[in-house]
Amino acid sequence: MITITKLNDQQIVVNSDLIELIESTPDTTITMTTGRKIIAREPVEEIMSRIIGYRKRVFQSVGALENREQ
């Protein structure tokens, strides 16, 4: 899950696994697998960085659990 800021300055949490497409047209538009579209203040690169950071934390947690079980 990542936090993004909508154009009205409202922060929301988005399930990054459900993101289908991110476009810069010129506003950043996130299209979800459900068809819902979200316009974000953050640029595409920032959203990508947040997704990568989130997934790194998830995989590190999985790795720590696996090491604990051994």
PDB file of N, CA and C in Angstrom:
ATOM      1  N   MET A   1       0.845  -1.164   0.000  1.00  0.00           N
ATOM      2  CA  MET A   1       0.000   0.000   0.000  1.00  0.00           C
ATOM      3  C   MET A   1       0.900   1.240   0.000  1.00  0.00           C
ATOM      4  N   ILE A   2       0.517   2.237  -0.785  1.00  0.00           N
ATOM      5  CA  ILE A   2       1.276   3.485  -0.853  1.00  0.00           C
ATOM      6  C   ILE A   2       0.326   4.656  -0.629  1.00  0.00           C
ATOM      7  N   THR A   3       0.860   5.735  -0.119  1.00  0.00           N
ATOM      8  CA  THR A   3       0.083   6.949   0.091  1.00  0.00           C
ATOM      9  C   THR A   3       0.323   7.889  -1.081  1.00  0.00           C
ATOM     10  N   ILE A   4      -0.766   8.437  -1.620  1.00  0.00           N
ATOM     11  CA  ILE A   4      -0.652   9.451  -2.667  1.00  0.00           C
ATOM     12  C   ILE A   4      -1.523  10.634  -2.287  1.00  0.00           C
ATOM     13  N   THR A   5      -1.276  11.770  -2.941  1.00  0.00           N
ATOM     14  CA  THR A   5      -2.043  12.986  -2.695  1.00  0.00           C
ATOM     15  C   THR A   5      -2.881  13.302  -3.919  1.00  0.00           C
ATOM     16  N   LYS A   6      -4.187  13.420  -3.706  1.00  0.00           N
ATOM     17  CA  LYS A   6      -5.078  13.793  -4.801  1.00  0.00           C
ATOM     18  C   LYS A   6      -4.947  15.294  -5.061  1.00  0.00           C
ATOM     19  N   LEU A   7      -5.512  15.771  -6.145  1.00  0.00           N
ATOM     20  CA  LEU A   7      -5.399  17.187  -6.506  1.00  0.00           C
ATOM     21  C   LEU A   7      -6.013  18.118  -5.460  1.00  0.00           C
ATOM     22  N   ASN A   8      -6.975  17.621  -4.683  1.00  0.00           N
ATOM     23  CA  ASN A   8      -7.606  18.456  -3.651  1.00  0.00           C
ATOM     24  C   ASN A   8      -6.829  18.390  -2.329  1.00  0.00           C
ATOM     25  N   ASP A   9      -5.579  17.889  -2.366  1.00  0.00           N
ATOM     26  CA  ASP A   9      -4.673  17.747  -1.218  1.00  0.00           C
ATOM     27  C   ASP A   9      -5.084  16.657  -0.233  1.00  0.00           C
ATOM     28  N   GLN A  10      -6.074  15.865  -0.570  1.00  0.00           N
ATOM     29  CA  GLN A  10      -6.478  14.748   0.282  1.00  0.00           C
ATOM     30  C   GLN A  10      -5.507  13.587   0.058  1.00  0.00           C
ATOM     31  N   GLN A  11      -4.963  13.059   1.147  1.00  0.00           N
ATOM     32  CA  GLN A  11      -4.084  11.904   1.039  1.00  0.00           C
ATOM     33  C   GLN A  11      -4.915  10.629   1.127  1.00  0.00           C
ATOM     34  N   ILE A  12      -4.610   9.693   0.242  1.00  0.00           N
ATOM     35  CA  ILE A  12      -5.292   8.404   0.250  1.00  0.00           C
ATOM     36  C   ILE A  12      -4.244   7.299   0.159  1.00  0.00           C
ATOM     37  N   VAL A  13      -4.643   6.108   0.598  1.00  0.00           N
ATOM     38  CA  VAL A  13      -3.765   4.940   0.533  1.00  0.00           C
ATOM     39  C   VAL A  13      -4.285   4.041  -0.577  1.00  0.00           C
ATOM     40  N   VAL A  14      -3.379   3.655  -1.466  1.00  0.00           N
ATOM     41  CA  VAL A  14      -3.748   2.880  -2.651  1.00  0.00           C
ATOM     42  C   VAL A  14      -3.045   1.520  -2.591  1.00  0.00           C
ATOM     43  N   ASN A  15      -3.771   0.481  -2.944  1.00  0.00           N
ATOM     44  CA  ASN A  15      -3.181  -0.844  -3.058  1.00  0.00           C
ATOM     45  C   ASN A  15      -2.394  -0.880  -4.369  1.00  0.00           C
ATOM     46  N   SER A  16      -1.087  -0.836  -4.255  1.00  0.00           N
ATOM     47  CA  SER A  16      -0.256  -0.741  -5.465  1.00  0.00           C
ATOM     48  C   SER A  16      -0.334  -1.999  -6.326  1.00  0.00           C
ATOM     49  N   ASP A  17      -0.791  -3.110  -5.769  1.00  0.00           N
ATOM     50  CA  ASP A  17      -0.957  -4.329  -6.563  1.00  0.00           C
ATOM     51  C   ASP A  17      -2.122  -4.215  -7.544  1.00  0.00           C
ATOM     52  N   LEU A  18      -2.994  -3.245  -7.325  1.00  0.00           N
ATOM     53  CA  LEU A  18      -4.161  -3.076  -8.190  1.00  0.00           C
ATOM     54  C   LEU A  18      -3.977  -1.969  -9.228  1.00  0.00           C
ATOM     55  N   ILE A  19      -2.772  -1.394  -9.297  1.00  0.00           N
ATOM     56  CA  ILE A  19      -2.493  -0.368 -10.295  1.00  0.00           C
ATOM     57  C   ILE A  19      -2.237  -1.049 -11.635  1.00  0.00           C
ATOM     58  N   GLU A  20      -2.982  -0.633 -12.629  1.00  0.00           N
ATOM     59  CA  GLU A  20      -2.810  -1.180 -13.975  1.00  0.00           C
ATOM     60  C   GLU A  20      -1.906  -0.290 -14.820  1.00  0.00           C
ATOM     61  N   LEU A  21      -2.066   1.037 -14.664  1.00  0.00           N
ATOM     62  CA  LEU A  21      -1.391   1.974 -15.556  1.00  0.00           C
ATOM     63  C   LEU A  21      -1.200   3.303 -14.840  1.00  0.00           C
ATOM     64  N   ILE A  22      -0.039   3.943 -15.070  1.00  0.00           N
ATOM     65  CA  ILE A  22       0.212   5.297 -14.564  1.00  0.00           C
ATOM     66  C   ILE A  22       0.636   6.146 -15.750  1.00  0.00           C
ATOM     67  N   GLU A  23      -0.081   7.258 -15.942  1.00  0.00           N
ATOM     68  CA  GLU A  23       0.199   8.149 -17.074  1.00  0.00           C
ATOM     69  C   GLU A  23       0.464   9.564 -16.574  1.00  0.00           C
ATOM     70  N   SER A  24       1.219  10.312 -17.347  1.00  0.00           N
ATOM     71  CA  SER A  24       1.443  11.721 -17.085  1.00  0.00           C
ATOM     72  C   SER A  24       0.853  12.497 -18.251  1.00  0.00           C
ATOM     73  N   THR A  25      -0.348  13.062 -18.068  1.00  0.00           N
ATOM     74  CA  THR A  25      -1.097  13.619 -19.218  1.00  0.00           C
ATOM     75  C   THR A  25      -1.734  14.986 -18.972  1.00  0.00           C
ATOM     76  N   PRO A  26      -1.237  16.062 -18.580  1.00  0.00           N
ATOM     77  CA  PRO A  26       0.007  16.295 -17.866  1.00  0.00           C
ATOM     78  C   PRO A  26      -0.092  15.933 -16.397  1.00  0.00           C
ATOM     79  N   ASP A  27      -1.320  15.843 -15.851  1.00  0.00           N
ATOM     80  CA  ASP A  27      -1.452  15.385 -14.462  1.00  0.00           C
ATOM     81  C   ASP A  27      -1.196  13.882 -14.411  1.00  0.00           C
ATOM     82  N   THR A  28      -0.737  13.412 -13.274  1.00  0.00           N
ATOM     83  CA  THR A  28      -0.493  11.990 -13.102  1.00  0.00           C
ATOM     84  C   THR A  28      -1.827  11.278 -12.895  1.00  0.00           C
ATOM     85  N   THR A  29      -2.146  10.386 -13.806  1.00  0.00           N
ATOM     86  CA  THR A  29      -3.399   9.629 -13.741  1.00  0.00           C
ATOM     87  C   THR A  29      -3.080   8.168 -13.484  1.00  0.00           C
ATOM     88  N   ILE A  30      -3.660   7.649 -12.396  1.00  0.00           N
ATOM     89  CA  ILE A  30      -3.474   6.247 -12.035  1.00  0.00           C
ATOM     90  C   ILE A  30      -4.753   5.508 -12.394  1.00  0.00           C
ATOM     91  N   THR A  31      -4.630   4.484 -13.221  1.00  0.00           N
ATOM     92  CA  THR A  31      -5.779   3.653 -13.579  1.00  0.00           C
ATOM     93  C   THR A  31      -5.642   2.338 -12.820  1.00  0.00           C
ATOM     94  N   MET A  32      -6.690   2.013 -12.071  1.00  0.00           N
ATOM     95  CA  MET A  32      -6.700   0.789 -11.284  1.00  0.00           C
ATOM     96  C   MET A  32      -7.267  -0.353 -12.124  1.00  0.00           C
ATOM     97  N   THR A  33      -7.038  -1.585 -11.697  1.00  0.00           N
ATOM     98  CA  THR A  33      -7.563  -2.746 -12.417  1.00  0.00           C
ATOM     99  C   THR A  33      -9.086  -2.764 -12.407  1.00  0.00           C
ATOM    100  N   THR A  34      -9.685  -2.029 -11.481  1.00  0.00           N
ATOM    101  CA  THR A  34     -11.150  -1.937 -11.396  1.00  0.00           C
ATOM    102  C   THR A  34     -11.723  -0.948 -12.404  1.00  0.00           C
ATOM    103  N   GLY A  35     -10.836  -0.183 -13.064  1.00  0.00           N
ATOM    104  CA  GLY A  35     -11.282   0.849 -13.995  1.00  0.00           C
ATOM    105  C   GLY A  35     -11.320   2.236 -13.372  1.00  0.00           C
ATOM    106  N   ARG A  36     -11.245   2.308 -12.038  1.00  0.00           N
ATOM    107  CA  ARG A  36     -11.253   3.604 -11.354  1.00  0.00           C
ATOM    108  C   ARG A  36      -9.985   4.366 -11.723  1.00  0.00           C
ATOM    109  N   LYS A  37     -10.121   5.687 -11.887  1.00  0.00           N
ATOM    110  CA  LYS A  37      -8.982   6.549 -12.193  1.00  0.00           C
ATOM    111  C   LYS A  37      -8.782   7.524 -11.041  1.00  0.00           C
ATOM    112  N   ILE A  38      -7.531   7.725 -10.680  1.00  0.00           N
ATOM    113  CA  ILE A  38      -7.177   8.642  -9.604  1.00  0.00           C
ATOM    114  C   ILE A  38      -6.160   9.631 -10.170  1.00  0.00           C
ATOM    115  N   ILE A  39      -6.402  10.914  -9.952  1.00  0.00           N
ATOM    116  CA  ILE A  39      -5.463  11.953 -10.365  1.00  0.00           C
ATOM    117  C   ILE A  39      -4.606  12.297  -9.147  1.00  0.00           C
ATOM    118  N   ALA A  40      -3.282  12.225  -9.299  1.00  0.00           N
ATOM    119  CA  ALA A  40      -2.370  12.438  -8.180  1.00  0.00           C
ATOM    120  C   ALA A  40      -1.497  13.665  -8.396  1.00  0.00           C
ATOM    121  N   ARG A  41      -1.097  14.287  -7.296  1.00  0.00           N
ATOM    122  CA  ARG A  41      -0.167  15.424  -7.352  1.00  0.00           C
ATOM    123  C   ARG A  41       1.257  14.972  -7.637  1.00  0.00           C
ATOM    124  N   GLU A  42       1.620  13.799  -7.137  1.00  0.00           N
ATOM    125  CA  GLU A  42       2.986  13.309  -7.300  1.00  0.00           C
ATOM    126  C   GLU A  42       3.253  12.954  -8.762  1.00  0.00           C
ATOM    127  N   PRO A  43       4.490  13.180  -9.210  1.00  0.00           N
ATOM    128  CA  PRO A  43       4.849  12.767 -10.579  1.00  0.00           C
ATOM    129  C   PRO A  43       4.959  11.240 -10.666  1.00  0.00           C
ATOM    130  N   VAL A  44       4.922  10.729 -11.874  1.00  0.00           N
ATOM    131  CA  VAL A  44       4.997   9.282 -12.114  1.00  0.00           C
ATOM    132  C   VAL A  44       6.221   8.686 -11.419  1.00  0.00           C
ATOM    133  N   GLU A  45       7.370   9.340 -11.527  1.00  0.00           N
ATOM    134  CA  GLU A  45       8.606   8.814 -10.956  1.00  0.00           C
ATOM    135  C   GLU A  45       8.499   8.632  -9.446  1.00  0.00           C
ATOM    136  N   GLU A  46       7.833   9.567  -8.762  1.00  0.00           N
ATOM    137  CA  GLU A  46       7.674   9.475  -7.307  1.00  0.00           C
ATOM    138  C   GLU A  46       6.766   8.299  -6.935  1.00  0.00           C
ATOM    139  N   ILE A  47       5.706   8.112  -7.679  1.00  0.00           N
ATOM    140  CA  ILE A  47       4.803   6.987  -7.407  1.00  0.00           C
ATOM    141  C   ILE A  47       5.530   5.667  -7.636  1.00  0.00           C
ATOM    142  N   MET A  48       6.304   5.588  -8.710  1.00  0.00           N
ATOM    143  CA  MET A  48       7.082   4.377  -8.979  1.00  0.00           C
ATOM    144  C   MET A  48       8.066   4.103  -7.838  1.00  0.00           C
ATOM    145  N   SER A  49       8.714   5.138  -7.358  1.00  0.00           N
ATOM    146  CA  SER A  49       9.658   4.992  -6.257  1.00  0.00           C
ATOM    147  C   SER A  49       8.957   4.472  -5.005  1.00  0.00           C
ATOM    148  N   ARG A  50       7.768   4.962  -4.718  1.00  0.00           N
ATOM    149  CA  ARG A  50       7.013   4.503  -3.553  1.00  0.00           C
ATOM    150  C   ARG A  50       6.601   3.036  -3.698  1.00  0.00           C
ATOM    151  N   ILE A  51       6.202   2.655  -4.905  1.00  0.00           N
ATOM    152  CA  ILE A  51       5.823   1.258  -5.154  1.00  0.00           C
ATOM    153  C   ILE A  51       7.034   0.350  -4.943  1.00  0.00           C
ATOM    154  N   ILE A  52       8.188   0.737  -5.486  1.00  0.00           N
ATOM    155  CA  ILE A  52       9.401  -0.059  -5.343  1.00  0.00           C
ATOM    156  C   ILE A  52       9.795  -0.164  -3.870  1.00  0.00           C
ATOM    157  N   GLY A  53       9.728   0.945  -3.143  1.00  0.00           N
ATOM    158  CA  GLY A  53      10.046   0.944  -1.718  1.00  0.00           C
ATOM    159  C   GLY A  53       9.124   0.033  -0.928  1.00  0.00           C
ATOM    160  N   TYR A  54       7.836   0.086  -1.238  1.00  0.00           N
ATOM    161  CA  TYR A  54       6.860  -0.768  -0.560  1.00  0.00           C
ATOM    162  C   TYR A  54       7.169  -2.239  -0.817  1.00  0.00           C
ATOM    163  N   ARG A  55       7.435  -2.585  -2.059  1.00  0.00           N
ATOM    164  CA  ARG A  55       7.698  -3.992  -2.397  1.00  0.00           C
ATOM    165  C   ARG A  55       9.009  -4.485  -1.778  1.00  0.00           C
ATOM    166  N   LYS A  56      10.009  -3.612  -1.699  1.00  0.00           N
ATOM    167  CA  LYS A  56      11.257  -3.992  -1.029  1.00  0.00           C
ATOM    168  C   LYS A  56      10.994  -4.340   0.430  1.00  0.00           C
ATOM    169  N   ARG A  57      10.187  -3.501   1.101  1.00  0.00           N
ATOM    170  CA  ARG A  57       9.875  -3.767   2.511  1.00  0.00           C
ATOM    171  C   ARG A  57       9.127  -5.090   2.669  1.00  0.00           C
ATOM    172  N   VAL A  58       8.205  -5.372   1.757  1.00  0.00           N
ATOM    173  CA  VAL A  58       7.453  -6.625   1.822  1.00  0.00           C
ATOM    174  C   VAL A  58       8.399  -7.808   1.651  1.00  0.00           C
ATOM    175  N   PHE A  59       9.263  -7.772   0.644  1.00  0.00           N
ATOM    176  CA  PHE A  59      10.168  -8.895   0.395  1.00  0.00           C
ATOM    177  C   PHE A  59      11.203  -9.053   1.508  1.00  0.00           C
ATOM    178  N   GLN A  60      11.636  -7.947   2.103  1.00  0.00           N
ATOM    179  CA  GLN A  60      12.561  -8.040   3.226  1.00  0.00           C
ATOM    180  C   GLN A  60      11.888  -8.716   4.415  1.00  0.00           C
ATOM    181  N   SER A  61      10.608  -8.403   4.633  1.00  0.00           N
ATOM    182  CA  SER A  61       9.856  -9.032   5.723  1.00  0.00           C
ATOM    183  C   SER A  61       9.724 -10.529   5.489  1.00  0.00           C
ATOM    184  N   VAL A  62       9.442 -10.916   4.273  1.00  0.00           N
ATOM    185  CA  VAL A  62       9.322 -12.334   3.919  1.00  0.00           C
ATOM    186  C   VAL A  62      10.658 -13.040   4.151  1.00  0.00           C
ATOM    187  N   GLY A  63      11.740 -12.407   3.721  1.00  0.00           N
ATOM    188  CA  GLY A  63      13.062 -12.978   3.912  1.00  0.00           C
ATOM    189  C   GLY A  63      13.401 -13.147   5.376  1.00  0.00           C
ATOM    190  N   ALA A  64      13.033 -12.167   6.201  1.00  0.00           N
ATOM    191  CA  ALA A  64      13.306 -12.258   7.640  1.00  0.00           C
ATOM    192  C   ALA A  64      12.516 -13.413   8.252  1.00  0.00           C
ATOM    193  N   LEU A  65      11.284 -13.607   7.818  1.00  0.00           N
ATOM    194  CA  LEU A  65      10.473 -14.717   8.333  1.00  0.00           C
ATOM    195  C   LEU A  65      11.061 -16.056   7.931  1.00  0.00           C
ATOM    196  N   GLU A  66      11.527 -16.168   6.693  1.00  0.00           N
ATOM    197  CA  GLU A  66      12.126 -17.409   6.212  1.00  0.00           C
ATOM    198  C   GLU A  66      13.397 -17.733   6.995  1.00  0.00           C
ATOM    199  N   ASN A  67      14.210 -16.723   7.282  1.00  0.00           N
ATOM    200  CA  ASN A  67      15.441 -16.931   8.039  1.00  0.00           C
ATOM    201  C   ASN A  67      15.136 -17.368   9.462  1.00  0.00           C
ATOM    202  N   ARG A  68      14.070 -16.865  10.029  1.00  0.00           N
ATOM    203  CA  ARG A  68      13.682 -17.211  11.389  1.00  0.00           C
ATOM    204  C   ARG A  68      13.257 -18.666  11.481  1.00  0.00           C
ATOM    205  N   GLU A  69      12.632 -19.184  10.421  1.00  0.00           N
ATOM    206  CA  GLU A  69      12.124 -20.550  10.408  1.00  0.00           C
ATOM    207  C   GLU A  69      13.236 -21.584  10.239  1.00  0.00           C
ATOM    208  N   GLN A  70      14.384 -21.176   9.742  1.00  0.00           N
ATOM    209  CA  GLN A  70      15.483 -22.124   9.478  1.00  0.00           C
ATOM    210  C   GLN A  70      16.289 -22.418  10.692  1.00  0.00           C
TER     211      GLN A  70
END
